[in-house]
Amino acid sequence: MVPGRVRAERLAAASLIGGHVMRVVFRVFVVAALLGGVPMLAAQPAVARETQASPSPAPTVEVLDAGKAPQEQLRLSPAVGSSGGVAMTMTESIEQSGASTSKVNVPPIRATIAASLPDTTPNGDLHVTFSYPSFEVLKGNGSTAAARRQVERALEGVQGLAGEMTLTTQGVVVDSRLDIPTDADPSIAQILGQLGDQFRSLTVPLPEPAVGEGARWRATTELTLGAIQARNVYEYSLKKRDGTRLQFDIRGTQTAQPQSVALPGQQSGVDVRLTKFKTTFRGAVTLDLSRLLAGSGRIAGNGNQTFRVDAGRQKGTVRQHLDLEASIKPA
């Protein structure tokens, strides 16, 4: 590893087959279904910036149980001109076995996230601007002081990263944009490039019909995770409602069918096939429909992925196990 840089291998996994350097870089994109938040990590370029936009596939929402009376439609209703802030802490560990064995304990990262609602669109969608004023690389998760310094140096100079998005009152992201520094560390830039689309993963899609306490609904999204075609299925249970304040239990599963994939950094003549992909999540969160960034809660997940790598005379299987925990609270 180059000193002072967090390369993609460290943020996901590097597969070394047969003792030869045949790096197959795979980034696990994890859906942290936390309410009322925006993307993870912080950043602002001190120099020139480039704009990246990312479309967001809309989920299909199916009501499983409408709950008890009284029932009414659940809709986000923050006032124009309002603002808010949350602190999000992410902890992640990745263990790899098979053709090569390694384990990476990523240091916990706590990001402060600020957002405001300057206006709404003509059809009533919410136009949200957001930024990352600060972040901290924390002790814990078995990480070393050297690993923490590497993450800190990789994130230097990118505090204050800003973007904007359009969000429906049902909590579905229509579009999003994140301004990326042109001179960002390549491995960090890969992460930052996904942040503008992560708000979709951090909000609860609200059902169309009226519901009450005890309601349950399922949201299904077909999406692309890096090079992998995958499906997210989340179930939400409305445990309690106090005015505009909602408390949910969440269960989620992210799966992908066996498929050939083209991974970042993959060499010519190398065939990589995904044979297993499943990540599950459970958590509890709260949301205030009338406020911007008023969510809090915690969610934990774990997953397993298996890849078959064929490079002519070199063949091997790489297995990855992921543990993730995310928490969010008012800043």
Protein backbone atom coordinates (compact mmCIF):
# COMPACT_ATOMS: atom_id res chain seq x y z
CA MET A 1 0.00 0.00 0.00
CA VAL A 2 1.23 3.47 -0.82
CA PRO A 3 1.83 5.30 2.50
CA GLY A 4 -0.80 7.90 3.32
CA ARG A 5 -3.38 6.64 0.87
CA VAL A 6 -6.38 4.42 1.35
CA ARG A 7 -6.49 2.43 -1.85
CA ALA A 8 -9.52 0.62 -3.16
CA GLU A 9 -8.11 -2.69 -1.96
CA ARG A 10 -8.24 -1.42 1.60
CA LEU A 11 -11.77 -0.13 1.31
CA ALA A 12 -13.02 -3.38 -0.15
CA ALA A 13 -10.75 -6.29 -1.07
CA ALA A 14 -7.80 -7.17 -3.30
CA SER A 15 -7.68 -10.74 -4.61
CA LEU A 16 -4.21 -12.21 -5.13
CA ILE A 17 -4.45 -15.43 -7.17
CA GLY A 18 -1.67 -18.05 -7.22
CA GLY A 19 0.88 -15.73 -5.66
CA HIS A 20 0.84 -13.48 -8.75
CA VAL A 21 -0.38 -9.90 -8.54
CA MET A 22 -3.73 -10.19 -10.27
CA ARG A 23 -5.75 -7.63 -8.39
CA VAL A 24 -9.48 -7.89 -8.74
CA VAL A 25 -10.84 -4.89 -6.92
CA PHE A 26 -14.37 -5.26 -5.63
CA ARG A 27 -16.14 -2.59 -3.62
CA VAL A 28 -19.07 -3.72 -1.53
CA PHE A 29 -21.79 -1.10 -1.69
CA VAL A 30 -23.80 -1.46 1.46
CA VAL A 31 -27.28 -0.08 1.92
CA ALA A 32 -27.54 1.49 5.36
CA ALA A 33 -31.25 2.14 5.66
CA LEU A 34 -31.12 4.96 8.15
CA LEU A 35 -33.87 7.50 8.23
CA GLY A 36 -33.61 11.18 7.51
CA GLY A 37 -29.93 11.05 6.69
CA VAL A 38 -27.82 11.83 3.68
CA PRO A 39 -24.73 10.12 2.34
CA MET A 40 -21.84 8.97 4.49
CA LEU A 41 -18.42 10.58 4.81
CA ALA A 42 -17.43 14.17 4.64
CA ALA A 43 -15.58 16.35 2.23
CA GLN A 44 -14.96 19.66 0.43
CA PRO A 45 -12.48 20.40 -2.20
CA ALA A 46 -10.11 23.21 -1.49
CA VAL A 47 -9.53 23.49 -5.23
CA ALA A 48 -11.38 22.91 -8.48
CA ARG A 49 -14.43 20.68 -8.43
CA GLU A 50 -16.31 18.54 -10.87
CA THR A 51 -19.97 17.70 -10.80
CA GLN A 52 -21.27 14.15 -10.85
CA ALA A 53 -24.93 13.27 -11.10
CA SER A 54 -26.55 9.92 -10.47
CA PRO A 55 -30.08 8.76 -11.30
CA SER A 56 -31.97 6.91 -8.60
CA PRO A 57 -34.18 3.92 -9.41
CA ALA A 58 -37.53 4.30 -7.66
CA PRO A 59 -38.60 1.46 -5.37
CA THR A 60 -41.85 -0.46 -5.75
CA VAL A 61 -43.76 -0.12 -2.47
CA GLU A 62 -46.34 -2.75 -1.42
CA VAL A 63 -48.45 -2.37 1.72
CA LEU A 64 -48.59 -5.67 3.64
CA ASP A 65 -50.73 -4.46 6.55
CA ALA A 66 -52.42 -1.05 6.76
CA GLY A 67 -52.29 -1.04 10.57
CA LYS A 68 -54.91 0.17 12.99
CA ALA A 69 -57.02 3.32 13.00
CA PRO A 70 -56.59 6.22 12.76
CA GLN A 71 -54.95 5.92 9.37
CA GLU A 72 -53.58 8.68 7.17
CA GLN A 73 -51.05 9.24 4.42
CA LEU A 74 -47.47 9.65 5.59
CA ARG A 75 -45.68 12.47 3.80
CA LEU A 76 -42.53 14.49 4.43
CA SER A 77 -43.46 18.12 5.15
CA PRO A 78 -40.44 20.20 6.25
CA ALA A 79 -40.92 23.95 5.86
CA VAL A 80 -39.15 25.76 3.04
CA GLY A 81 -36.14 27.52 4.53
CA SER A 82 -35.66 24.92 7.26
CA SER A 83 -32.36 23.20 7.95
CA GLY A 84 -30.99 20.44 10.12
CA GLY A 85 -27.97 18.34 10.91
CA VAL A 86 -27.09 14.81 11.96
CA ALA A 87 -23.98 12.87 12.89
CA MET A 88 -23.54 9.49 11.24
CA THR A 89 -21.05 6.88 12.42
CA MET A 90 -20.14 3.93 10.19
CA THR A 91 -18.15 0.85 11.24
CA GLU A 92 -17.16 -1.86 8.77
CA SER A 93 -15.04 -5.00 8.70
CA ILE A 94 -14.28 -7.17 5.68
CA GLU A 95 -12.77 -10.65 5.83
CA GLN A 96 -11.57 -12.50 2.74
CA SER A 97 -10.72 -16.17 2.30
CA GLY A 98 -10.18 -18.66 -0.48
CA ALA A 99 -7.47 -17.92 -3.02
CA SER A 100 -6.12 -15.33 -0.59
CA THR A 101 -6.84 -14.54 3.04
CA SER A 102 -6.99 -11.12 4.65
CA LYS A 103 -9.06 -9.05 7.04
CA VAL A 104 -9.58 -5.30 7.06
CA ASN A 105 -11.07 -3.48 10.05
CA VAL A 106 -11.99 -0.06 8.72
CA PRO A 107 -11.73 2.60 11.45
CA PRO A 108 -15.11 4.03 12.51
CA ILE A 109 -15.85 7.27 10.66
CA ARG A 110 -18.22 9.87 12.09
CA ALA A 111 -19.51 12.45 9.61
CA THR A 112 -21.43 15.59 10.43
CA ILE A 113 -24.06 16.21 7.77
CA ALA A 114 -25.92 19.48 7.24
CA ALA A 115 -28.89 20.05 4.93
CA SER A 116 -31.34 22.79 4.06
CA LEU A 117 -34.51 23.12 2.01
CA PRO A 118 -34.24 26.32 -0.05
CA ASP A 119 -37.33 25.62 -2.17
CA THR A 120 -39.60 23.04 -3.74
CA THR A 121 -40.14 22.11 -7.37
CA PRO A 122 -43.32 23.09 -9.27
CA ASN A 123 -44.77 19.61 -8.66
CA GLY A 124 -44.08 19.76 -4.92
CA ASP A 125 -40.86 17.74 -4.65
CA LEU A 126 -38.27 18.82 -2.09
CA HIS A 127 -35.10 20.51 -3.37
CA VAL A 128 -32.47 19.71 -0.72
CA THR A 129 -28.91 21.03 -0.51
CA PHE A 130 -26.44 19.25 1.74
CA SER A 131 -22.82 19.36 2.85
CA TYR A 132 -20.33 17.58 5.10
CA PRO A 133 -18.86 20.22 7.47
CA SER A 134 -16.61 17.82 9.35
CA PHE A 135 -15.69 14.23 10.03
CA GLU A 136 -13.66 12.26 12.55
CA VAL A 137 -11.77 9.01 12.17
CA LEU A 138 -12.39 7.25 15.49
CA LYS A 139 -10.61 4.62 17.53
CA GLY A 140 -12.20 1.19 17.72
CA ASN A 141 -13.23 -1.77 15.57
CA GLY A 142 -9.79 -3.30 16.03
CA SER A 143 -8.22 -0.69 13.75
CA THR A 144 -4.60 0.32 14.20
CA ALA A 145 -3.22 3.82 14.63
CA ALA A 146 -1.54 3.45 11.23
CA ALA A 147 -4.85 2.59 9.56
CA ARG A 148 -6.51 5.62 11.14
CA ARG A 149 -3.74 7.90 9.92
CA GLN A 150 -4.11 6.49 6.40
CA VAL A 151 -7.83 7.24 6.36
CA GLU A 152 -7.28 10.72 7.79
CA ARG A 153 -4.64 11.59 5.19
CA ALA A 154 -6.78 10.23 2.36
CA LEU A 155 -9.62 12.52 3.44
CA GLU A 156 -7.47 15.63 3.91
CA GLY A 157 -8.57 18.61 1.89
CA VAL A 158 -12.04 17.33 1.08
CA GLN A 159 -14.04 18.56 4.05
CA GLY A 160 -17.16 20.50 3.20
CA LEU A 161 -18.13 18.51 0.13
CA ALA A 162 -21.51 19.76 -1.06
CA GLY A 163 -24.33 18.54 -3.26
CA GLU A 164 -28.03 18.73 -3.88
CA MET A 165 -30.91 16.38 -4.57
CA THR A 166 -34.59 16.30 -5.37
CA LEU A 167 -36.69 14.20 -3.02
CA THR A 168 -40.40 13.40 -3.24
CA THR A 169 -42.60 13.82 -0.19
CA GLN A 170 -42.79 10.01 -0.12
CA GLY A 171 -39.05 9.85 0.52
CA VAL A 172 -37.90 8.77 -2.94
CA VAL A 173 -34.85 10.45 -4.50
CA VAL A 174 -35.62 11.72 -8.01
CA ASP A 175 -32.09 12.89 -8.76
CA SER A 176 -28.92 13.85 -6.92
CA ARG A 177 -25.62 15.57 -7.56
CA LEU A 178 -22.38 15.69 -5.64
CA ASP A 179 -19.47 18.03 -6.37
CA ILE A 180 -16.23 16.05 -6.38
CA PRO A 181 -12.76 17.60 -6.08
CA THR A 182 -10.80 16.99 -9.28
CA ASP A 183 -7.63 16.20 -7.33
CA ALA A 184 -9.22 13.88 -4.76
CA ASP A 185 -7.42 10.67 -3.85
CA PRO A 186 -8.63 8.17 -6.48
CA SER A 187 -9.86 5.65 -3.92
CA ILE A 188 -11.72 8.35 -1.97
CA ALA A 189 -13.13 9.79 -5.19
CA GLN A 190 -14.68 6.39 -5.93
CA ILE A 191 -16.52 6.55 -2.63
CA LEU A 192 -17.49 10.20 -2.98
CA GLY A 193 -18.87 9.52 -6.44
CA GLN A 194 -21.48 7.25 -4.87
CA LEU A 195 -22.54 9.62 -2.11
CA GLY A 196 -24.99 11.67 -4.12
CA ASP A 197 -27.01 8.53 -4.75
CA GLN A 198 -26.82 7.19 -1.20
CA PHE A 199 -29.64 9.37 0.09
CA ARG A 200 -32.00 6.92 -1.58
CA SER A 201 -30.59 4.24 0.70
CA LEU A 202 -30.86 6.41 3.80
CA THR A 203 -34.53 7.29 3.58
CA VAL A 204 -37.72 5.34 4.14
CA PRO A 205 -40.00 5.13 1.09
CA LEU A 206 -43.46 5.95 2.40
CA PRO A 207 -46.53 4.08 1.08
CA GLU A 208 -49.13 5.73 -1.14
CA PRO A 209 -52.29 4.75 0.83
CA ALA A 210 -53.15 5.82 4.38
CA VAL A 211 -51.71 3.67 7.16
CA GLY A 212 -51.69 3.59 10.95
CA GLU A 213 -49.65 2.17 13.82
CA GLY A 214 -48.75 -1.45 13.20
CA ALA A 215 -48.58 -0.94 9.43
CA ARG A 216 -46.05 -2.90 7.41
CA TRP A 217 -44.88 -2.35 3.87
CA ARG A 218 -42.21 -3.70 1.54
CA ALA A 219 -40.01 -1.66 -0.79
CA THR A 220 -38.23 -3.43 -3.66
CA THR A 221 -35.55 -1.75 -5.78
CA GLU A 222 -33.65 -3.14 -8.76
CA LEU A 223 -30.32 -1.37 -8.94
CA THR A 224 -26.67 -1.55 -9.95
CA LEU A 225 -24.07 -1.85 -7.18
CA GLY A 226 -20.84 -0.99 -8.90
CA ALA A 227 -20.68 -3.68 -11.58
CA ILE A 228 -23.32 -5.94 -10.02
CA GLN A 229 -27.02 -6.08 -10.88
CA ALA A 230 -28.77 -6.50 -7.54
CA ARG A 231 -32.07 -6.25 -5.71
CA ASN A 232 -32.88 -4.55 -2.42
CA VAL A 233 -35.94 -5.71 -0.48
CA TYR A 234 -36.74 -3.82 2.73
CA GLU A 235 -39.67 -4.25 5.09
CA TYR A 236 -40.74 -1.41 7.38
CA SER A 237 -42.94 -1.75 10.46
CA LEU A 238 -44.50 1.39 11.94
CA LYS A 239 -44.24 0.62 15.65
CA LYS A 240 -45.38 3.96 17.02
CA ARG A 241 -46.60 7.35 15.88
CA ASP A 242 -46.63 10.50 18.00
CA GLY A 243 -47.85 13.35 15.82
CA THR A 244 -45.28 13.74 13.06
CA ARG A 245 -42.74 11.56 14.83
CA LEU A 246 -42.56 7.94 13.61
CA GLN A 247 -40.71 4.93 15.00
CA PHE A 248 -39.84 2.05 12.66
CA ASP A 249 -38.34 -1.39 12.77
CA ILE A 250 -36.49 -2.26 9.57
CA ARG A 251 -35.42 -5.53 7.97
CA GLY A 252 -33.60 -5.64 4.68
CA THR A 253 -32.00 -8.04 2.25
CA GLN A 254 -29.69 -7.25 -0.64
CA THR A 255 -29.17 -10.07 -3.14
CA ALA A 256 -27.77 -10.68 -6.60
CA GLN A 257 -28.14 -13.61 -8.97
CA PRO A 258 -25.02 -15.41 -10.32
CA GLN A 259 -23.53 -13.25 -13.06
CA SER A 260 -20.33 -12.26 -14.81
CA VAL A 261 -19.00 -8.92 -13.62
CA ALA A 262 -16.42 -6.42 -14.82
CA LEU A 263 -14.74 -4.99 -11.73
CA PRO A 264 -12.63 -1.83 -11.43
CA GLY A 265 -8.99 -2.65 -12.11
CA GLN A 266 -9.80 -5.98 -13.74
CA GLN A 267 -7.10 -7.04 -16.19
CA SER A 268 -7.76 -8.06 -19.77
CA GLY A 269 -8.32 -11.80 -20.15
CA VAL A 270 -9.55 -12.20 -16.59
CA ASP A 271 -13.09 -13.53 -16.10
CA VAL A 272 -14.83 -12.85 -12.80
CA ARG A 273 -18.14 -14.50 -11.97
CA LEU A 274 -20.25 -13.70 -8.96
CA THR A 275 -21.67 -16.95 -7.57
CA LYS A 276 -23.12 -15.77 -4.25
CA PHE A 277 -24.24 -12.38 -2.94
CA LYS A 278 -26.46 -11.77 0.06
CA THR A 279 -26.44 -9.09 2.77
CA THR A 280 -29.06 -8.75 5.50
CA PHE A 281 -29.86 -5.78 7.74
CA ARG A 282 -31.91 -5.16 10.86
CA GLY A 283 -32.43 -1.95 12.77
CA ALA A 284 -34.71 0.60 14.41
CA VAL A 285 -35.00 4.24 13.41
CA THR A 286 -37.12 7.33 14.00
CA LEU A 287 -38.28 10.07 11.65
CA ASP A 288 -40.01 13.40 12.10
CA LEU A 289 -42.06 14.14 9.00
CA SER A 290 -42.07 17.89 9.68
CA ARG A 291 -38.32 18.35 10.06
CA LEU A 292 -35.28 18.13 7.83
CA LEU A 293 -32.59 15.69 9.00
CA ALA A 294 -34.34 14.75 12.23
CA GLY A 295 -33.69 11.03 12.07
CA SER A 296 -31.97 8.83 14.61
CA GLY A 297 -31.37 5.13 15.02
CA ARG A 298 -29.06 2.22 14.43
CA ILE A 299 -28.81 -0.56 11.91
CA ALA A 300 -26.48 -3.54 11.62
CA GLY A 301 -25.84 -5.96 8.79
CA ASN A 302 -23.66 -8.76 7.56
CA GLY A 303 -23.16 -10.28 4.18
CA ASN A 304 -21.36 -12.92 2.17
CA GLN A 305 -20.13 -12.74 -1.41
CA THR A 306 -18.33 -15.39 -3.44
CA PHE A 307 -16.45 -14.83 -6.72
CA ARG A 308 -14.96 -17.32 -9.14
CA VAL A 309 -11.90 -15.86 -10.89
CA ASP A 310 -10.53 -17.40 -14.11
CA ALA A 311 -7.31 -16.02 -15.55
CA GLY A 312 -6.33 -18.84 -17.89
CA ARG A 313 -3.91 -21.01 -15.95
CA GLN A 314 -4.77 -19.21 -12.74
CA LYS A 315 -8.15 -20.02 -11.24
CA GLY A 316 -9.50 -19.46 -7.80
CA THR A 317 -12.47 -18.70 -5.57
CA VAL A 318 -12.62 -15.61 -3.38
CA ARG A 319 -15.06 -15.40 -0.49
CA GLN A 320 -15.82 -12.18 1.37
CA HIS A 321 -17.66 -11.64 4.64
CA LEU A 322 -18.82 -8.16 5.62
CA ASP A 323 -19.97 -6.80 8.99
CA LEU A 324 -21.45 -3.31 9.10
CA GLU A 325 -22.96 -1.09 11.75
CA ALA A 326 -24.32 2.42 11.26
CA SER A 327 -25.85 4.87 13.69
CA ILE A 328 -27.29 8.32 13.24
CA LYS A 329 -28.31 10.99 15.74
CA PRO A 330 -29.01 14.74 15.75
CA ALA A 331 -25.79 16.73 15.43
